[in-house]
Amino acid sequence: EEAARQSTQAEALGALERAMVVSDYRTGAVKALVGGRNPVFAGFNRALAAARPVGSLIKPWVYAVALEQPERYQLASLLDDSPLRLTDENGKVWAPRNFDGEFLGPITLYQSLVESRNIPVVRVGLDVSAQAVSERIRQAGVVRKVNPWPSLFLGAVELTPLDVNRLYSTLANAGRAQRQHSITAITTHRGEV
């Protein structure tokens, strides 16, 4: 019975698609790109085209925008992790929750980031503005539309693996975006540039 269950799980995992982008964050050179489970399939390239909601992967960008204002935000700054309710212009209420359903009260920015708390990041995002976060994401090299809505702070934006690679490469490169590229030179048949 256990062997059959494991075999079924292995088959399900084997049917999953995958994508990966590896780049040099200092230069933007794409070193490897995998667009699907079958490396010779010339169809849909998931690394370049499969846009999916990124969830908490966006949270470091909210905090990065806040930390650009050191007079207001530092890693030790206390944030409020208590219930939050927002009402949009249509009267619709949004009450984000933490993954564990708990509220911790005062929490440092650092702890909130490490524990991926939702409420504090939404509060910080509202303070620095969704427009500012959206603009920084654009400056990091993401060309697809990133709506400046509060849900952005919790990753309600669809990005491809290549987009996420751009974001994290920019973070790793001290905030300096590098244009990604896969061609370093074009040569003649004799090897001349």
Protein backbone atom coordinates (compact mmCIF):
# COMPACT_ATOMS: atom_id res chain seq x y z
CA GLU A 1 0.00 0.00 0.00
CA GLU A 2 2.77 2.46 0.98
CA ALA A 3 4.79 1.52 -2.12
CA ALA A 4 1.76 2.16 -4.34
CA ARG A 5 1.18 5.56 -2.72
CA GLN A 6 4.84 6.54 -3.22
CA SER A 7 4.71 5.35 -6.83
CA THR A 8 1.60 7.48 -7.46
CA GLN A 9 3.30 10.50 -5.88
CA ALA A 10 6.42 9.94 -7.98
CA GLU A 11 4.30 9.73 -11.16
CA ALA A 12 2.51 12.94 -10.24
CA LEU A 13 5.82 14.70 -9.60
CA GLY A 14 7.19 13.35 -12.85
CA ALA A 15 4.25 14.90 -14.72
CA LEU A 16 4.90 18.35 -13.24
CA GLU A 17 6.35 20.93 -15.56
CA ARG A 18 9.36 22.97 -14.55
CA ALA A 19 11.28 26.06 -15.47
CA MET A 20 14.53 27.61 -14.33
CA VAL A 21 16.68 30.65 -15.09
CA VAL A 22 20.26 30.97 -13.84
CA SER A 23 22.11 34.22 -14.43
CA ASP A 24 25.11 36.19 -13.28
CA TYR A 25 23.57 38.97 -11.21
CA ARG A 26 26.60 41.23 -11.72
CA THR A 27 26.53 41.19 -15.53
CA GLY A 28 23.03 40.01 -16.44
CA ALA A 29 24.42 37.10 -18.47
CA VAL A 30 21.94 34.23 -18.60
CA LYS A 31 23.98 31.09 -17.92
CA ALA A 32 21.19 28.50 -18.12
CA LEU A 33 17.52 28.45 -18.98
CA VAL A 34 15.14 25.50 -18.83
CA GLY A 35 11.68 26.05 -20.26
CA GLY A 36 10.00 22.76 -19.48
CA ARG A 37 10.26 19.14 -18.46
CA ASN A 38 11.28 18.00 -21.95
CA PRO A 39 14.49 19.82 -22.91
CA VAL A 40 14.09 19.21 -26.67
CA PHE A 41 10.43 20.30 -26.91
CA ALA A 42 10.30 23.44 -29.04
CA GLY A 43 6.88 24.59 -27.80
CA PHE A 44 5.83 26.72 -24.84
CA ASN A 45 8.85 27.98 -22.89
CA ARG A 46 7.74 28.30 -19.27
CA ALA A 47 10.87 30.19 -18.18
CA LEU A 48 10.01 32.99 -20.60
CA ALA A 49 6.22 32.87 -20.86
CA ALA A 50 4.58 31.14 -17.87
CA ALA A 51 3.42 34.09 -15.79
CA ARG A 52 2.12 33.00 -12.37
CA PRO A 53 1.30 34.86 -9.13
CA VAL A 54 4.56 35.16 -7.20
CA GLY A 55 3.18 35.48 -3.68
CA SER A 56 5.70 36.27 -0.96
CA LEU A 57 8.58 36.58 -3.44
CA ILE A 58 7.53 40.23 -3.79
CA LYS A 59 7.82 41.08 -0.08
CA PRO A 60 11.56 41.91 -0.13
CA TRP A 61 10.77 44.63 -2.69
CA VAL A 62 8.21 46.25 -0.40
CA TYR A 63 10.79 46.31 2.39
CA ALA A 64 13.54 47.49 0.02
CA VAL A 65 11.46 50.54 -0.92
CA ALA A 66 10.85 51.22 2.78
CA LEU A 67 14.53 50.80 3.70
CA GLU A 68 15.42 53.42 1.10
CA GLN A 69 13.99 55.82 3.69
CA PRO A 70 16.33 55.15 6.65
CA GLU A 71 14.90 58.02 8.65
CA ARG A 72 11.58 56.13 8.69
CA TYR A 73 12.47 52.45 8.34
CA GLN A 74 15.30 50.27 9.57
CA LEU A 75 15.59 46.53 10.20
CA ALA A 76 14.82 47.15 13.89
CA SER A 77 11.76 49.32 13.19
CA LEU A 78 8.66 48.04 14.96
CA LEU A 79 5.75 47.17 12.70
CA ASP A 80 2.15 46.41 13.61
CA ASP A 81 1.02 42.81 13.12
CA SER A 82 -2.61 43.23 14.13
CA PRO A 83 -5.87 42.74 12.18
CA LEU A 84 -6.27 45.04 9.20
CA ARG A 85 -9.34 45.81 7.08
CA LEU A 86 -9.23 47.92 3.93
CA THR A 87 -12.21 49.13 1.93
CA ASP A 88 -11.81 49.91 -1.77
CA GLU A 89 -13.64 52.60 -3.74
CA ASN A 90 -16.46 50.13 -4.46
CA GLY A 91 -17.00 49.38 -0.77
CA LYS A 92 -15.43 45.93 -1.01
CA VAL A 93 -13.57 44.93 2.17
CA TRP A 94 -10.16 43.25 2.06
CA ALA A 95 -8.92 41.74 5.32
CA PRO A 96 -5.53 40.11 4.68
CA ARG A 97 -4.44 37.40 7.09
CA ASN A 98 -1.14 35.84 8.09
CA PHE A 99 -0.45 32.29 6.92
CA ASP A 100 -0.79 30.97 10.48
CA GLY A 101 -3.95 32.95 11.26
CA GLU A 102 -2.18 34.58 14.22
CA PHE A 103 -1.31 38.19 14.99
CA LEU A 104 1.91 38.95 16.87
CA GLY A 105 1.38 42.64 17.69
CA PRO A 106 4.61 44.68 17.55
CA ILE A 107 7.23 42.94 15.42
CA THR A 108 10.52 44.16 13.93
CA LEU A 109 10.77 44.69 10.19
CA TYR A 110 13.54 42.09 10.12
CA GLN A 111 11.42 39.47 11.93
CA SER A 112 8.45 40.25 9.72
CA LEU A 113 10.54 39.65 6.60
CA VAL A 114 12.17 36.47 7.92
CA GLU A 115 8.80 35.03 9.00
CA SER A 116 7.05 36.32 5.85
CA ARG A 117 4.26 37.99 7.84
CA ASN A 118 1.49 39.40 5.65
CA ILE A 119 -0.07 42.13 7.77
CA PRO A 120 3.11 44.10 8.52
CA VAL A 121 4.20 44.08 4.86
CA VAL A 122 0.78 45.37 3.80
CA ARG A 123 0.99 48.18 6.37
CA VAL A 124 4.51 49.13 5.19
CA GLY A 125 3.43 48.92 1.56
CA LEU A 126 0.48 51.20 2.19
CA ASP A 127 2.81 53.66 3.89
CA VAL A 128 5.40 53.75 1.08
CA SER A 129 2.65 53.38 -1.60
CA ALA A 130 1.81 50.69 -4.09
CA GLN A 131 2.86 53.09 -6.84
CA ALA A 132 6.40 53.34 -5.40
CA VAL A 133 6.72 49.54 -5.11
CA SER A 134 5.36 49.03 -8.63
CA GLU A 135 7.81 51.63 -9.97
CA ARG A 136 10.82 50.00 -8.26
CA ILE A 137 9.83 46.64 -9.74
CA ARG A 138 9.73 48.29 -13.17
CA GLN A 139 13.14 49.87 -12.54
CA ALA A 140 14.48 46.42 -11.69
CA GLY A 141 13.74 45.39 -15.27
CA VAL A 142 10.28 43.83 -15.14
CA VAL A 143 8.49 44.99 -18.27
CA ARG A 144 5.09 43.39 -17.76
CA LYS A 145 2.32 45.42 -16.11
CA VAL A 146 2.47 45.51 -12.31
CA ASN A 147 -0.73 47.09 -11.02
CA PRO A 148 -0.17 49.41 -8.04
CA TRP A 149 -2.86 47.83 -5.87
CA PRO A 150 -2.48 46.87 -2.18
CA SER A 151 -2.70 43.16 -3.10
CA LEU A 152 0.65 43.67 -4.86
CA PHE A 153 2.31 43.63 -1.40
CA LEU A 154 1.29 39.97 -1.02
CA GLY A 155 2.42 39.02 -4.51
CA ALA A 156 -0.82 39.33 -6.48
CA VAL A 157 1.17 39.96 -9.63
CA GLU A 158 1.90 37.44 -12.35
CA LEU A 159 5.55 37.15 -13.30
CA THR A 160 7.59 34.64 -15.27
CA PRO A 161 10.68 32.87 -13.91
CA LEU A 162 12.75 35.28 -16.04
CA ASP A 163 11.00 38.26 -14.38
CA VAL A 164 11.67 36.84 -10.91
CA ASN A 165 15.30 36.29 -11.89
CA ARG A 166 15.51 39.97 -12.87
CA LEU A 167 14.05 41.05 -9.52
CA TYR A 168 16.36 38.96 -7.38
CA SER A 169 19.41 39.70 -9.54
CA THR A 170 18.79 43.39 -8.94
CA LEU A 171 18.48 42.83 -5.18
CA ALA A 172 21.70 40.77 -5.16
CA ASN A 173 23.45 43.50 -7.15
CA ALA A 174 22.81 46.19 -4.50
CA GLY A 175 19.75 47.50 -6.34
CA ARG A 176 21.47 47.96 -9.70
CA ALA A 177 19.56 46.30 -12.53
CA GLN A 178 21.56 44.66 -15.30
CA ARG A 179 20.00 43.98 -18.67
CA GLN A 180 19.74 40.22 -19.09
CA HIS A 181 21.35 38.77 -22.15
CA SER A 182 22.32 35.41 -23.54
CA ILE A 183 24.49 36.48 -26.45
CA THR A 184 27.93 37.79 -25.55
CA ALA A 185 29.37 38.08 -29.07
CA ILE A 186 28.59 37.36 -32.71
CA THR A 187 31.45 36.01 -34.76
CA THR A 188 32.17 35.13 -38.34
CA HIS A 189 32.85 31.51 -39.35
CA ARG A 190 36.53 32.31 -38.74
CA GLY A 191 35.86 33.35 -35.16
CA GLU A 192 36.27 37.08 -35.74
CA VAL A 193 34.00 39.30 -33.66
